[in-house]
Amino acid sequence: MVFENLKRIRLAKGVTQMHLSKKLGISNMAYSRMENGETKIDVERLRVIAVLLGVDINIFFDKELTEFVIEKHYVS
């Protein structure tokens, strides 16, 4: 669920995988694997991603909150 919500929020905000991977100091492939659920995302890295996307880290763990953030972003 976390990686799915991460991807949906990233896309809604118009942020590329390349942008996040550069900010995290990892390869685009490594980021892609995290977002596709092929590798686990540690909590500290998830915190950084939340800051970069401008959301609370708890959003990634709740589908309803993710929907709210996406809807709010499109309405703004």
PDB file of N, CA and C in Angstrom:
ATOM      1  N   MET A   1       0.815  -1.185   0.000  1.00  0.00           N
ATOM      2  CA  MET A   1       0.000   0.000   0.000  1.00  0.00           C
ATOM      3  C   MET A   1       0.870   1.265   0.000  1.00  0.00           C
ATOM      4  N   VAL A   2       1.935   1.288   0.801  1.00  0.00           N
ATOM      5  CA  VAL A   2       2.774   2.482   0.908  1.00  0.00           C
ATOM      6  C   VAL A   2       3.320   2.885  -0.450  1.00  0.00           C
ATOM      7  N   PHE A   3       3.893   1.939  -1.161  1.00  0.00           N
ATOM      8  CA  PHE A   3       4.506   2.281  -2.447  1.00  0.00           C
ATOM      9  C   PHE A   3       3.465   2.715  -3.472  1.00  0.00           C
ATOM     10  N   GLU A   4       2.282   2.135  -3.406  1.00  0.00           N
ATOM     11  CA  GLU A   4       1.214   2.542  -4.329  1.00  0.00           C
ATOM     12  C   GLU A   4       0.771   3.973  -4.048  1.00  0.00           C
ATOM     13  N   ASN A   5       0.603   4.297  -2.767  1.00  0.00           N
ATOM     14  CA  ASN A   5       0.198   5.647  -2.395  1.00  0.00           C
ATOM     15  C   ASN A   5       1.290   6.653  -2.734  1.00  0.00           C
ATOM     16  N   LEU A   6       2.524   6.272  -2.531  1.00  0.00           N
ATOM     17  CA  LEU A   6       3.655   7.131  -2.882  1.00  0.00           C
ATOM     18  C   LEU A   6       3.611   7.495  -4.363  1.00  0.00           C
ATOM     19  N   LYS A   7       3.430   6.508  -5.188  1.00  0.00           N
ATOM     20  CA  LYS A   7       3.395   6.747  -6.634  1.00  0.00           C
ATOM     21  C   LYS A   7       2.229   7.650  -7.019  1.00  0.00           C
ATOM     22  N   ARG A   8       1.069   7.397  -6.450  1.00  0.00           N
ATOM     23  CA  ARG A   8      -0.116   8.189  -6.796  1.00  0.00           C
ATOM     24  C   ARG A   8       0.058   9.656  -6.392  1.00  0.00           C
ATOM     25  N   ILE A   9       0.624   9.888  -5.220  1.00  0.00           N
ATOM     26  CA  ILE A   9       0.837  11.263  -4.770  1.00  0.00           C
ATOM     27  C   ILE A   9       1.907  11.938  -5.624  1.00  0.00           C
ATOM     28  N   ARG A  10       2.982  11.227  -5.917  1.00  0.00           N
ATOM     29  CA  ARG A  10       4.042  11.794  -6.755  1.00  0.00           C
ATOM     30  C   ARG A  10       3.490  12.218  -8.102  1.00  0.00           C
ATOM     31  N   LEU A  11       2.710  11.357  -8.721  1.00  0.00           N
ATOM     32  CA  LEU A  11       2.130  11.677 -10.027  1.00  0.00           C
ATOM     33  C   LEU A  11       1.158  12.857  -9.935  1.00  0.00           C
ATOM     34  N   ALA A  12       0.338  12.888  -8.890  1.00  0.00           N
ATOM     35  CA  ALA A  12      -0.625  13.972  -8.717  1.00  0.00           C
ATOM     36  C   ALA A  12       0.075  15.316  -8.564  1.00  0.00           C
ATOM     37  N   LYS A  13       1.236  15.295  -7.947  1.00  0.00           N
ATOM     38  CA  LYS A  13       1.977  16.534  -7.732  1.00  0.00           C
ATOM     39  C   LYS A  13       2.892  16.870  -8.905  1.00  0.00           C
ATOM     40  N   GLY A  14       2.942  15.995  -9.901  1.00  0.00           N
ATOM     41  CA  GLY A  14       3.742  16.269 -11.086  1.00  0.00           C
ATOM     42  C   GLY A  14       5.235  16.160 -10.869  1.00  0.00           C
ATOM     43  N   VAL A  15       5.647  15.354  -9.906  1.00  0.00           N
ATOM     44  CA  VAL A  15       7.069  15.174  -9.594  1.00  0.00           C
ATOM     45  C   VAL A  15       7.560  13.905 -10.284  1.00  0.00           C
ATOM     46  N   THR A  16       8.726  13.979 -10.888  1.00  0.00           N
ATOM     47  CA  THR A  16       9.266  12.814 -11.587  1.00  0.00           C
ATOM     48  C   THR A  16      10.059  11.914 -10.644  1.00  0.00           C
ATOM     49  N   GLN A  17      10.186  10.671 -11.039  1.00  0.00           N
ATOM     50  CA  GLN A  17      11.040   9.742 -10.298  1.00  0.00           C
ATOM     51  C   GLN A  17      12.476  10.248 -10.314  1.00  0.00           C
ATOM     52  N   MET A  18      12.894  10.798 -11.433  1.00  0.00           N
ATOM     53  CA  MET A  18      14.259  11.308 -11.569  1.00  0.00           C
ATOM     54  C   MET A  18      14.527  12.409 -10.538  1.00  0.00           C
ATOM     55  N   HIS A  19      13.579  13.304 -10.384  1.00  0.00           N
ATOM     56  CA  HIS A  19      13.739  14.398  -9.417  1.00  0.00           C
ATOM     57  C   HIS A  19      13.932  13.839  -8.006  1.00  0.00           C
ATOM     58  N   LEU A  20      13.055  12.921  -7.608  1.00  0.00           N
ATOM     59  CA  LEU A  20      13.149  12.362  -6.258  1.00  0.00           C
ATOM     60  C   LEU A  20      14.420  11.544  -6.079  1.00  0.00           C
ATOM     61  N   SER A  21      14.785  10.769  -7.073  1.00  0.00           N
ATOM     62  CA  SER A  21      15.993   9.951  -6.941  1.00  0.00           C
ATOM     63  C   SER A  21      17.218  10.843  -6.763  1.00  0.00           C
ATOM     64  N   LYS A  22      17.285  11.960  -7.494  1.00  0.00           N
ATOM     65  CA  LYS A  22      18.418  12.888  -7.338  1.00  0.00           C
ATOM     66  C   LYS A  22      18.430  13.500  -5.944  1.00  0.00           C
ATOM     67  N   LYS A  23      17.268  13.917  -5.455  1.00  0.00           N
ATOM     68  CA  LYS A  23      17.183  14.510  -4.118  1.00  0.00           C
ATOM     69  C   LYS A  23      17.562  13.504  -3.028  1.00  0.00           C
ATOM     70  N   LEU A  24      17.260  12.223  -3.280  1.00  0.00           N
ATOM     71  CA  LEU A  24      17.569  11.171  -2.306  1.00  0.00           C
ATOM     72  C   LEU A  24      19.000  10.658  -2.444  1.00  0.00           C
ATOM     73  N   GLY A  25      19.657  11.018  -3.542  1.00  0.00           N
ATOM     74  CA  GLY A  25      21.026  10.560  -3.766  1.00  0.00           C
ATOM     75  C   GLY A  25      21.107   9.092  -4.149  1.00  0.00           C
ATOM     76  N   ILE A  26      20.083   8.615  -4.859  1.00  0.00           N
ATOM     77  CA  ILE A  26      20.072   7.226  -5.314  1.00  0.00           C
ATOM     78  C   ILE A  26      19.820   7.208  -6.818  1.00  0.00           C
ATOM     79  N   SER A  27      20.049   6.060  -7.423  1.00  0.00           N
ATOM     80  CA  SER A  27      19.813   5.963  -8.863  1.00  0.00           C
ATOM     81  C   SER A  27      18.312   5.960  -9.148  1.00  0.00           C
ATOM     82  N   ASN A  28      17.984   6.319 -10.370  1.00  0.00           N
ATOM     83  CA  ASN A  28      16.585   6.300 -10.783  1.00  0.00           C
ATOM     84  C   ASN A  28      16.030   4.877 -10.698  1.00  0.00           C
ATOM     85  N   MET A  29      16.865   3.899 -11.028  1.00  0.00           N
ATOM     86  CA  MET A  29      16.440   2.496 -10.959  1.00  0.00           C
ATOM     87  C   MET A  29      16.125   2.086  -9.521  1.00  0.00           C
ATOM     88  N   ALA A  30      16.967   2.524  -8.581  1.00  0.00           N
ATOM     89  CA  ALA A  30      16.730   2.192  -7.169  1.00  0.00           C
ATOM     90  C   ALA A  30      15.417   2.806  -6.697  1.00  0.00           C
ATOM     91  N   TYR A  31      15.162   4.048  -7.112  1.00  0.00           N
ATOM     92  CA  TYR A  31      13.904   4.688  -6.729  1.00  0.00           C
ATOM     93  C   TYR A  31      12.720   3.963  -7.348  1.00  0.00           C
ATOM     94  N   SER A  32      12.840   3.624  -8.614  1.00  0.00           N
ATOM     95  CA  SER A  32      11.778   2.923  -9.314  1.00  0.00           C
ATOM     96  C   SER A  32      11.443   1.610  -8.614  1.00  0.00           C
ATOM     97  N   ARG A  33      12.456   0.914  -8.171  1.00  0.00           N
ATOM     98  CA  ARG A  33      12.227  -0.359  -7.459  1.00  0.00           C
ATOM     99  C   ARG A  33      11.486  -0.139  -6.144  1.00  0.00           C
ATOM    100  N   MET A  34      11.793   0.956  -5.458  1.00  0.00           N
ATOM    101  CA  MET A  34      11.070   1.263  -4.216  1.00  0.00           C
ATOM    102  C   MET A  34       9.613   1.540  -4.517  1.00  0.00           C
ATOM    103  N   GLU A  35       9.378   2.362  -5.524  1.00  0.00           N
ATOM    104  CA  GLU A  35       8.015   2.768  -5.843  1.00  0.00           C
ATOM    105  C   GLU A  35       7.185   1.615  -6.409  1.00  0.00           C
ATOM    106  N   ASN A  36       7.832   0.647  -6.988  1.00  0.00           N
ATOM    107  CA  ASN A  36       7.119  -0.511  -7.532  1.00  0.00           C
ATOM    108  C   ASN A  36       7.007  -1.649  -6.531  1.00  0.00           C
ATOM    109  N   GLY A  37       7.509  -1.449  -5.312  1.00  0.00           N
ATOM    110  CA  GLY A  37       7.402  -2.450  -4.265  1.00  0.00           C
ATOM    111  C   GLY A  37       8.409  -3.573  -4.367  1.00  0.00           C
ATOM    112  N   GLU A  38       9.414  -3.414  -5.224  1.00  0.00           N
ATOM    113  CA  GLU A  38      10.426  -4.456  -5.382  1.00  0.00           C
ATOM    114  C   GLU A  38      11.449  -4.427  -4.244  1.00  0.00           C
ATOM    115  N   THR A  39      11.653  -3.248  -3.655  1.00  0.00           N
ATOM    116  CA  THR A  39      12.510  -3.114  -2.478  1.00  0.00           C
ATOM    117  C   THR A  39      11.751  -2.304  -1.440  1.00  0.00           C
ATOM    118  N   LYS A  40      12.064  -2.542  -0.179  1.00  0.00           N
ATOM    119  CA  LYS A  40      11.376  -1.847   0.904  1.00  0.00           C
ATOM    120  C   LYS A  40      11.926  -0.439   1.059  1.00  0.00           C
ATOM    121  N   ILE A  41      11.062   0.459   1.518  1.00  0.00           N
ATOM    122  CA  ILE A  41      11.441   1.831   1.785  1.00  0.00           C
ATOM    123  C   ILE A  41      11.612   1.986   3.291  1.00  0.00           C
ATOM    124  N   ASP A  42      12.819   2.385   3.724  1.00  0.00           N
ATOM    125  CA  ASP A  42      13.010   2.561   5.160  1.00  0.00           C
ATOM    126  C   ASP A  42      12.309   3.847   5.605  1.00  0.00           C
ATOM    127  N   VAL A  43      12.011   3.917   6.877  1.00  0.00           N
ATOM    128  CA  VAL A  43      11.203   5.007   7.423  1.00  0.00           C
ATOM    129  C   VAL A  43      11.887   6.360   7.222  1.00  0.00           C
ATOM    130  N   GLU A  44      13.185   6.439   7.421  1.00  0.00           N
ATOM    131  CA  GLU A  44      13.874   7.715   7.267  1.00  0.00           C
ATOM    132  C   GLU A  44      13.792   8.222   5.830  1.00  0.00           C
ATOM    133  N   ARG A  45      13.963   7.329   4.887  1.00  0.00           N
ATOM    134  CA  ARG A  45      13.858   7.724   3.481  1.00  0.00           C
ATOM    135  C   ARG A  45      12.426   8.158   3.155  1.00  0.00           C
ATOM    136  N   LEU A  46      11.461   7.453   3.718  1.00  0.00           N
ATOM    137  CA  LEU A  46      10.060   7.813   3.497  1.00  0.00           C
ATOM    138  C   LEU A  46       9.760   9.192   4.075  1.00  0.00           C
ATOM    139  N   ARG A  47      10.379   9.512   5.213  1.00  0.00           N
ATOM    140  CA  ARG A  47      10.216  10.859   5.804  1.00  0.00           C
ATOM    141  C   ARG A  47      10.736  11.930   4.852  1.00  0.00           C
ATOM    142  N   VAL A  48      11.888  11.683   4.266  1.00  0.00           N
ATOM    143  CA  VAL A  48      12.481  12.643   3.332  1.00  0.00           C
ATOM    144  C   VAL A  48      11.579  12.809   2.116  1.00  0.00           C
ATOM    145  N   ILE A  49      11.068  11.707   1.596  1.00  0.00           N
ATOM    146  CA  ILE A  49      10.169  11.766   0.435  1.00  0.00           C
ATOM    147  C   ILE A  49       8.917  12.569   0.786  1.00  0.00           C
ATOM    148  N   ALA A  50       8.382  12.354   1.984  1.00  0.00           N
ATOM    149  CA  ALA A  50       7.197  13.100   2.419  1.00  0.00           C
ATOM    150  C   ALA A  50       7.481  14.597   2.416  1.00  0.00           C
ATOM    151  N   VAL A  51       8.631  14.982   2.925  1.00  0.00           N
ATOM    152  CA  VAL A  51       9.005  16.407   2.939  1.00  0.00           C
ATOM    153  C   VAL A  51       9.123  16.926   1.512  1.00  0.00           C
ATOM    154  N   LEU A  52       9.785  16.171   0.657  1.00  0.00           N
ATOM    155  CA  LEU A  52       9.960  16.599  -0.731  1.00  0.00           C
ATOM    156  C   LEU A  52       8.627  16.754  -1.463  1.00  0.00           C
ATOM    157  N   LEU A  53       7.654  15.916  -1.110  1.00  0.00           N
ATOM    158  CA  LEU A  53       6.337  15.990  -1.746  1.00  0.00           C
ATOM    159  C   LEU A  53       5.374  16.922  -1.003  1.00  0.00           C
ATOM    160  N   GLY A  54       5.807  17.419   0.149  1.00  0.00           N
ATOM    161  CA  GLY A  54       4.978  18.351   0.905  1.00  0.00           C
ATOM    162  C   GLY A  54       3.779  17.716   1.570  1.00  0.00           C
ATOM    163  N   VAL A  55       3.936  16.475   2.040  1.00  0.00           N
ATOM    164  CA  VAL A  55       2.843  15.774   2.718  1.00  0.00           C
ATOM    165  C   VAL A  55       3.336  15.179   4.028  1.00  0.00           C
ATOM    166  N   ASP A  56       2.407  14.840   4.892  1.00  0.00           N
ATOM    167  CA  ASP A  56       2.727  14.150   6.136  1.00  0.00           C
ATOM    168  C   ASP A  56       3.031  12.689   5.815  1.00  0.00           C
ATOM    169  N   ILE A  57       3.990  12.120   6.504  1.00  0.00           N
ATOM    170  CA  ILE A  57       4.387  10.731   6.240  1.00  0.00           C
ATOM    171  C   ILE A  57       3.225   9.753   6.413  1.00  0.00           C
ATOM    172  N   ASN A  58       2.290  10.061   7.297  1.00  0.00           N
ATOM    173  CA  ASN A  58       1.158   9.161   7.548  1.00  0.00           C
ATOM    174  C   ASN A  58       0.257   8.988   6.331  1.00  0.00           C
ATOM    175  N   ILE A  59       0.307   9.924   5.412  1.00  0.00           N
ATOM    176  CA  ILE A  59      -0.509   9.856   4.197  1.00  0.00           C
ATOM    177  C   ILE A  59      -0.244   8.565   3.434  1.00  0.00           C
ATOM    178  N   PHE A  60       1.020   8.145   3.404  1.00  0.00           N
ATOM    179  CA  PHE A  60       1.393   6.973   2.617  1.00  0.00           C
ATOM    180  C   PHE A  60       0.782   5.674   3.143  1.00  0.00           C
ATOM    181  N   PHE A  61       0.347   5.688   4.403  1.00  0.00           N
ATOM    182  CA  PHE A  61      -0.180   4.477   5.032  1.00  0.00           C
ATOM    183  C   PHE A  61      -1.705   4.388   5.008  1.00  0.00           C
ATOM    184  N   ASP A  62      -2.353   5.379   4.426  1.00  0.00           N
ATOM    185  CA  ASP A  62      -3.808   5.432   4.462  1.00  0.00           C
ATOM    186  C   ASP A  62      -4.363   5.809   3.088  1.00  0.00           C
ATOM    187  N   LYS A  63      -5.092   4.895   2.502  1.00  0.00           N
ATOM    188  CA  LYS A  63      -5.630   5.121   1.154  1.00  0.00           C
ATOM    189  C   LYS A  63      -6.581   6.313   1.110  1.00  0.00           C
ATOM    190  N   GLU A  64      -7.409   6.468   2.138  1.00  0.00           N
ATOM    191  CA  GLU A  64      -8.356   7.585   2.167  1.00  0.00           C
ATOM    192  C   GLU A  64      -7.637   8.923   2.261  1.00  0.00           C
ATOM    193  N   LEU A  65      -6.590   8.989   3.082  1.00  0.00           N
ATOM    194  CA  LEU A  65      -5.811  10.226   3.174  1.00  0.00           C
ATOM    195  C   LEU A  65      -5.113  10.529   1.854  1.00  0.00           C
ATOM    196  N   THR A  66      -4.635   9.489   1.191  1.00  0.00           N
ATOM    197  CA  THR A  66      -4.004   9.664  -0.118  1.00  0.00           C
ATOM    198  C   THR A  66      -5.002  10.251  -1.102  1.00  0.00           C
ATOM    199  N   GLU A  67      -6.214   9.713  -1.108  1.00  0.00           N
ATOM    200  CA  GLU A  67      -7.254  10.235  -2.000  1.00  0.00           C
ATOM    201  C   GLU A  67      -7.541  11.707  -1.691  1.00  0.00           C
ATOM    202  N   PHE A  68      -7.584  12.040  -0.413  1.00  0.00           N
ATOM    203  CA  PHE A  68      -7.852  13.413  -0.006  1.00  0.00           C
ATOM    204  C   PHE A  68      -6.759  14.353  -0.520  1.00  0.00           C
ATOM    205  N   VAL A  69      -5.508  13.960  -0.370  1.00  0.00           N
ATOM    206  CA  VAL A  69      -4.382  14.778  -0.826  1.00  0.00           C
ATOM    207  C   VAL A  69      -4.442  14.960  -2.329  1.00  0.00           C
ATOM    208  N   ILE A  70      -4.733  13.896  -3.047  1.00  0.00           N
ATOM    209  CA  ILE A  70      -4.803  13.982  -4.511  1.00  0.00           C
ATOM    210  C   ILE A  70      -5.940  14.908  -4.939  1.00  0.00           C
ATOM    211  N   GLU A  71      -7.108  14.731  -4.342  1.00  0.00           N
ATOM    212  CA  GLU A  71      -8.250  15.586  -4.683  1.00  0.00           C
ATOM    213  C   GLU A  71      -7.962  17.046  -4.344  1.00  0.00           C
ATOM    214  N   LYS A  72      -7.368  17.274  -3.181  1.00  0.00           N
ATOM    215  CA  LYS A  72      -7.031  18.626  -2.750  1.00  0.00           C
ATOM    216  C   LYS A  72      -6.042  19.271  -3.717  1.00  0.00           C
ATOM    217  N   HIS A  73      -5.096  18.493  -4.188  1.00  0.00           N
ATOM    218  CA  HIS A  73      -4.089  19.017  -5.104  1.00  0.00           C
ATOM    219  C   HIS A  73      -4.723  19.424  -6.431  1.00  0.00           C
ATOM    220  N   TYR A  74      -5.650  18.622  -6.932  1.00  0.00           N
ATOM    221  CA  TYR A  74      -6.288  18.927  -8.189  1.00  0.00           C
ATOM    222  C   TYR A  74      -7.260  20.098  -8.096  1.00  0.00           C
ATOM    223  N   VAL A  75      -7.833  20.312  -6.915  1.00  0.00           N
ATOM    224  CA  VAL A  75      -8.780  21.407  -6.726  1.00  0.00           C
ATOM    225  C   VAL A  75      -8.028  22.736  -6.567  1.00  0.00           C
ATOM    226  N   SER A  76      -6.853  22.695  -5.952  1.00  0.00           N
ATOM    227  CA  SER A  76      -6.079  23.925  -5.702  1.00  0.00           C
ATOM    228  C   SER A  76      -5.627  24.627  -6.931  1.00  0.00           C
TER     229      SER A  76
END
